[in-house]
Amino acid sequence: MKRLLLATATLLLNLLPSALAQNPFGPPPPPRKQDKSSALIDLTGNWVSVVSEDWRWRMLTPLKGDAAGIPINKAARVVVNAWDPAKDEAAGLQCKAYGAAGVMRLPGRFRISWQDETTLKIETDYGIQTRLFHFNGKPPQDAQRSWQGYSVANWEDGPGGTGGLGLGLGPRFGSVSQSLEVTTTHLLPGYLRKNGVPYSENTLLKEYYDRWTEPNGDEWLTVTTIVTDPNYLALPFVTTTDFKKEGASARWDPAPCNAR
């Protein structure tokens, strides 16, 4: 009996390295095609931001110097304390709070549609901004800096996909949804809040768009935003923002950028 147990244990130890090297769930699927036809979720339609948190920073222009909740550094504190909306207006920079790193936190309505087979478009009524998400790899070498920068998008594999741990967690630990991942660079310097909390042109913006439905049929969109800025942030600034789908665009009310 002891010999049998020893032989069995030896066999298992010999088989363990090869077993670990194999994927118990089979070979990974081929890379997902990145375009409209391969969309994992339908993000198109009219959406309205639902401000259920950070009301005093999102619905109103915060007081000068109020950067509570944002991990700014000393350099950013200087900019925050020097904020002057009149100077921004005189310089034609009243849209600094409507750039990609801040616009999704502003209260308003958003229209999402496909511009073409490889470009998803988000239009905002507040600030009249247009964001384009490109499903075509890296930004071109001649990409120009702008308020919305250049955004590269890709569909995440869902639960049990190639990016996960084989445990139904998906590419992001703890995520069980199928999301749109967006990386934005080539930004002009802007504001994370309307009262002058800055982000620099070196900012890297990562976003994850998740759509979900309540039992009563209401459709929601949650955007997780991660702002990384070596110039003005001591740590990445992470927020989640919720939007509810609307049946029509009757309330669409475009308004220009406002520095105040």
Protein backbone atom coordinates (compact mmCIF):
# COMPACT_ATOMS: atom_id res chain seq x y z
CA MET A 1 0.00 0.00 0.00
CA LYS A 2 2.81 2.41 0.88
CA ARG A 3 4.50 1.68 -2.45
CA LEU A 4 1.21 2.39 -4.27
CA LEU A 5 0.74 5.69 -2.48
CA LEU A 6 4.35 6.69 -3.14
CA ALA A 7 4.02 5.81 -6.83
CA THR A 8 0.76 7.77 -7.11
CA ALA A 9 2.29 10.82 -5.43
CA THR A 10 5.34 10.66 -7.70
CA LEU A 11 3.13 10.46 -10.78
CA LEU A 12 1.07 13.48 -9.67
CA LEU A 13 4.21 15.52 -9.01
CA ASN A 14 5.52 14.66 -12.46
CA LEU A 15 2.24 15.60 -14.12
CA LEU A 16 1.72 18.85 -12.15
CA PRO A 17 4.06 21.13 -14.21
CA SER A 18 2.51 20.12 -17.52
CA ALA A 19 -0.99 20.39 -16.08
CA LEU A 20 -0.31 23.92 -14.83
CA ALA A 21 1.12 24.90 -18.20
CA GLN A 22 -2.12 23.96 -19.94
CA ASN A 23 -5.26 26.04 -19.99
CA PRO A 24 -7.95 23.87 -18.35
CA PHE A 25 -10.59 25.87 -20.19
CA GLY A 26 -9.18 25.11 -23.62
CA PRO A 27 -7.21 27.30 -26.03
CA PRO A 28 -7.93 31.04 -25.94
CA PRO A 29 -10.28 32.38 -28.59
CA PRO A 30 -8.86 34.49 -31.42
CA PRO A 31 -8.57 38.25 -30.81
CA ARG A 32 -11.93 39.98 -30.93
CA LYS A 33 -12.61 42.13 -33.98
CA GLN A 34 -12.71 45.75 -32.91
CA ASP A 35 -15.53 47.56 -34.69
CA LYS A 36 -19.28 48.11 -34.69
CA SER A 37 -20.08 44.58 -35.83
CA SER A 38 -18.28 43.07 -32.83
CA ALA A 39 -19.92 45.30 -30.20
CA LEU A 40 -20.50 43.45 -26.94
CA ILE A 41 -23.02 46.00 -25.68
CA ASP A 42 -25.17 48.61 -27.38
CA LEU A 43 -24.24 52.04 -26.06
CA THR A 44 -26.17 54.03 -28.66
CA GLY A 45 -29.04 56.27 -27.69
CA ASN A 46 -29.78 59.26 -25.49
CA TRP A 47 -28.48 59.28 -21.92
CA VAL A 48 -28.85 61.73 -19.02
CA SER A 49 -26.40 62.01 -16.13
CA VAL A 50 -27.88 61.08 -12.75
CA VAL A 51 -26.10 63.07 -10.04
CA SER A 52 -26.47 60.96 -6.92
CA GLU A 53 -23.09 61.82 -5.39
CA ASP A 54 -20.65 64.76 -5.30
CA TRP A 55 -23.63 67.04 -5.84
CA ARG A 56 -21.92 70.21 -4.57
CA TRP A 57 -18.99 69.73 -6.97
CA ARG A 58 -21.00 68.69 -10.03
CA MET A 59 -24.24 70.66 -9.97
CA LEU A 60 -22.65 73.91 -8.82
CA THR A 61 -19.32 75.54 -9.59
CA PRO A 62 -17.31 74.82 -6.43
CA LEU A 63 -15.81 77.62 -4.38
CA LYS A 64 -12.35 78.79 -5.31
CA GLY A 65 -9.73 76.52 -3.76
CA ASP A 66 -12.09 73.59 -3.15
CA ALA A 67 -10.30 70.48 -4.41
CA ALA A 68 -11.63 68.11 -1.77
CA GLY A 69 -11.65 64.47 -2.86
CA ILE A 70 -9.06 64.94 -5.63
CA PRO A 71 -5.47 63.82 -4.84
CA ILE A 72 -3.77 66.99 -6.09
CA ASN A 73 -0.12 67.82 -5.39
CA LYS A 74 1.53 71.11 -4.44
CA ALA A 75 1.85 72.27 -8.04
CA ALA A 76 -1.86 71.79 -8.57
CA ARG A 77 -2.68 73.65 -5.35
CA VAL A 78 -0.96 76.74 -6.78
CA VAL A 79 -3.13 76.55 -9.91
CA VAL A 80 -6.31 75.95 -7.90
CA ASN A 81 -5.69 78.99 -5.69
CA ALA A 82 -4.98 81.18 -8.72
CA TRP A 83 -8.14 80.22 -10.67
CA ASP A 84 -9.73 83.21 -12.37
CA PRO A 85 -12.65 82.52 -14.74
CA ALA A 86 -12.42 86.03 -16.18
CA LYS A 87 -8.89 85.27 -17.40
CA ASP A 88 -10.05 82.02 -18.98
CA GLU A 89 -12.86 83.87 -20.77
CA ALA A 90 -10.50 86.57 -22.02
CA ALA A 91 -8.14 83.92 -23.37
CA GLY A 92 -10.93 81.93 -25.04
CA LEU A 93 -10.41 79.02 -22.63
CA GLN A 94 -13.92 78.76 -21.21
CA CYS A 95 -14.05 75.09 -22.28
CA LYS A 96 -11.22 73.94 -19.97
CA ALA A 97 -13.70 72.11 -17.72
CA TYR A 98 -15.31 70.37 -20.72
CA GLY A 99 -12.32 68.32 -21.84
CA ALA A 100 -12.36 64.54 -21.89
CA ALA A 101 -11.04 64.17 -18.33
CA GLY A 102 -13.91 66.19 -16.87
CA VAL A 103 -16.84 66.39 -19.27
CA MET A 104 -18.49 63.08 -18.31
CA ARG A 105 -18.82 64.33 -14.72
CA LEU A 106 -20.74 67.43 -15.76
CA PRO A 107 -24.55 67.30 -15.51
CA GLY A 108 -26.16 67.05 -18.90
CA ARG A 109 -27.33 64.84 -21.69
CA PHE A 110 -25.23 62.65 -23.94
CA ARG A 111 -25.99 61.27 -27.37
CA ILE A 112 -24.08 58.14 -28.43
CA SER A 113 -24.04 56.93 -32.03
CA TRP A 114 -21.77 55.28 -34.57
CA GLN A 115 -20.10 57.77 -36.88
CA ASP A 116 -18.87 54.87 -39.02
CA GLU A 117 -17.99 51.20 -38.59
CA THR A 118 -14.89 51.92 -36.49
CA THR A 119 -15.76 55.20 -34.74
CA LEU A 120 -18.17 55.65 -31.84
CA LYS A 121 -19.32 59.22 -31.19
CA ILE A 122 -20.47 60.89 -27.95
CA GLU A 123 -22.09 64.31 -28.17
CA THR A 124 -22.80 66.47 -25.12
CA ASP A 125 -25.46 69.13 -24.86
CA TYR A 126 -23.65 70.90 -22.00
CA GLY A 127 -20.61 72.49 -23.60
CA ILE A 128 -21.49 71.16 -27.08
CA GLN A 129 -18.55 68.77 -27.17
CA THR A 130 -17.94 65.75 -29.42
CA ARG A 131 -15.86 62.76 -28.40
CA LEU A 132 -14.72 60.19 -30.97
CA PHE A 133 -13.67 56.68 -29.93
CA HIS A 134 -11.47 55.03 -32.56
CA PHE A 135 -11.38 51.24 -32.87
CA ASN A 136 -8.24 51.31 -34.99
CA GLY A 137 -5.26 50.97 -32.68
CA LYS A 138 -2.75 53.64 -31.75
CA PRO A 139 -3.15 57.39 -32.32
CA PRO A 140 -1.64 58.60 -35.60
CA GLN A 141 1.72 60.33 -35.37
CA ASP A 142 0.18 63.63 -36.44
CA ALA A 143 -2.64 63.55 -33.85
CA GLN A 144 -3.26 67.08 -32.57
CA ARG A 145 -3.96 68.01 -28.97
CA SER A 146 -7.52 69.07 -28.28
CA TRP A 147 -10.08 69.26 -25.46
CA GLN A 148 -11.20 65.71 -26.23
CA GLY A 149 -7.79 64.36 -27.24
CA TYR A 150 -7.45 61.13 -29.20
CA SER A 151 -9.35 58.14 -27.83
CA VAL A 152 -8.57 54.52 -28.69
CA ALA A 153 -11.34 52.05 -27.84
CA ASN A 154 -11.63 48.29 -27.65
CA TRP A 155 -14.21 45.78 -26.52
CA GLU A 156 -13.20 43.88 -23.42
CA ASP A 157 -13.67 40.13 -23.44
CA GLY A 158 -16.47 39.15 -21.11
CA PRO A 159 -16.53 36.68 -18.21
CA GLY A 160 -14.04 33.89 -18.73
CA GLY A 161 -12.40 35.79 -21.62
CA THR A 162 -8.75 35.81 -22.54
CA GLY A 163 -7.94 38.73 -20.28
CA GLY A 164 -9.35 37.20 -17.12
CA LEU A 165 -8.20 34.62 -14.62
CA GLY A 166 -10.34 31.81 -15.98
CA LEU A 167 -12.74 32.35 -13.11
CA GLY A 168 -15.41 34.37 -14.87
CA LEU A 169 -13.90 37.64 -13.65
CA GLY A 170 -13.14 39.18 -17.03
CA PRO A 171 -10.14 41.39 -17.83
CA ARG A 172 -10.67 43.62 -14.77
CA PHE A 173 -10.57 41.87 -11.43
CA GLY A 174 -14.04 41.88 -9.91
CA SER A 175 -15.79 42.76 -13.18
CA VAL A 176 -18.42 40.39 -14.51
CA SER A 177 -19.58 42.62 -17.34
CA GLN A 178 -18.58 43.11 -20.94
CA SER A 179 -17.27 46.63 -21.27
CA LEU A 180 -15.92 49.21 -23.63
CA GLU A 181 -12.40 50.26 -22.66
CA VAL A 182 -11.21 53.68 -23.81
CA THR A 183 -7.73 55.21 -23.53
CA THR A 184 -7.37 58.93 -24.25
CA THR A 185 -4.17 60.90 -24.82
CA HIS A 186 -3.17 64.08 -26.71
CA LEU A 187 -5.22 66.31 -24.41
CA LEU A 188 -4.98 70.04 -23.98
CA PRO A 189 -4.57 71.13 -20.34
CA GLY A 190 -7.97 71.37 -18.67
CA TYR A 191 -9.91 71.24 -15.43
CA LEU A 192 -11.22 68.25 -13.48
CA ARG A 193 -13.72 70.62 -11.88
CA LYS A 194 -15.07 73.94 -13.05
CA ASN A 195 -13.25 75.82 -10.29
CA GLY A 196 -9.84 75.28 -11.84
CA VAL A 197 -8.62 71.93 -10.45
CA PRO A 198 -6.10 71.22 -13.22
CA TYR A 199 -4.96 68.33 -15.34
CA SER A 200 -2.01 68.67 -17.70
CA GLU A 201 -1.31 67.74 -21.31
CA ASN A 202 0.55 64.68 -19.98
CA THR A 203 -2.65 63.20 -18.58
CA LEU A 204 -3.56 59.62 -19.39
CA LEU A 205 -7.30 58.97 -19.25
CA LYS A 206 -8.70 55.45 -18.94
CA GLU A 207 -12.45 54.78 -19.04
CA TYR A 208 -14.65 51.70 -18.83
CA TYR A 209 -18.24 51.85 -20.12
CA ASP A 210 -20.63 49.28 -18.64
CA ARG A 211 -24.31 48.98 -19.55
CA TRP A 212 -26.81 47.26 -17.26
CA THR A 213 -30.57 46.90 -16.85
CA GLU A 214 -32.70 47.04 -13.71
CA PRO A 215 -35.47 44.47 -13.11
CA ASN A 216 -38.05 47.13 -14.02
CA GLY A 217 -36.43 47.57 -17.44
CA ASP A 218 -34.60 50.86 -16.80
CA GLU A 219 -31.32 50.93 -18.71
CA TRP A 220 -28.19 52.41 -17.15
CA LEU A 221 -24.66 53.24 -18.23
CA THR A 222 -21.84 53.40 -15.67
CA VAL A 223 -18.56 55.04 -16.66
CA THR A 224 -15.51 54.31 -14.53
CA THR A 225 -12.88 57.00 -15.07
CA ILE A 226 -9.22 56.84 -14.06
CA VAL A 227 -7.22 60.04 -14.51
CA THR A 228 -3.44 59.74 -14.17
CA ASP A 229 -1.41 62.95 -14.31
CA PRO A 230 2.28 63.12 -13.31
CA ASN A 231 2.13 66.93 -13.24
CA TYR A 232 -0.78 67.61 -10.91
CA LEU A 233 -1.98 64.40 -9.24
CA ALA A 234 -0.25 62.55 -6.41
CA LEU A 235 -2.39 59.47 -7.15
CA PRO A 236 -4.79 58.43 -9.93
CA PHE A 237 -8.19 60.11 -9.58
CA VAL A 238 -10.94 57.49 -9.89
CA THR A 239 -14.67 58.17 -10.26
CA THR A 240 -17.78 56.29 -11.35
CA THR A 241 -20.55 58.20 -13.09
CA ASP A 242 -24.07 56.92 -13.82
CA PHE A 243 -26.32 57.72 -16.79
CA LYS A 244 -29.91 56.66 -17.41
CA LYS A 245 -31.21 56.00 -20.90
CA GLU A 246 -33.94 58.28 -22.21
CA GLY A 247 -36.49 57.33 -24.79
CA ALA A 248 -36.23 60.49 -26.87
CA SER A 249 -34.07 63.57 -27.30
CA ALA A 250 -36.88 66.07 -26.71
CA ARG A 251 -34.98 67.53 -23.75
CA TRP A 252 -31.78 67.96 -25.75
CA ASP A 253 -30.75 71.55 -24.98
CA PRO A 254 -27.27 72.49 -26.28
CA ALA A 255 -25.49 75.19 -24.31
CA PRO A 256 -21.97 76.57 -24.90
CA CYS A 257 -19.06 76.19 -22.48
CA ASN A 258 -19.28 78.38 -19.41
CA ALA A 259 -16.15 79.24 -17.41
CA ARG A 260 -18.25 80.09 -14.35
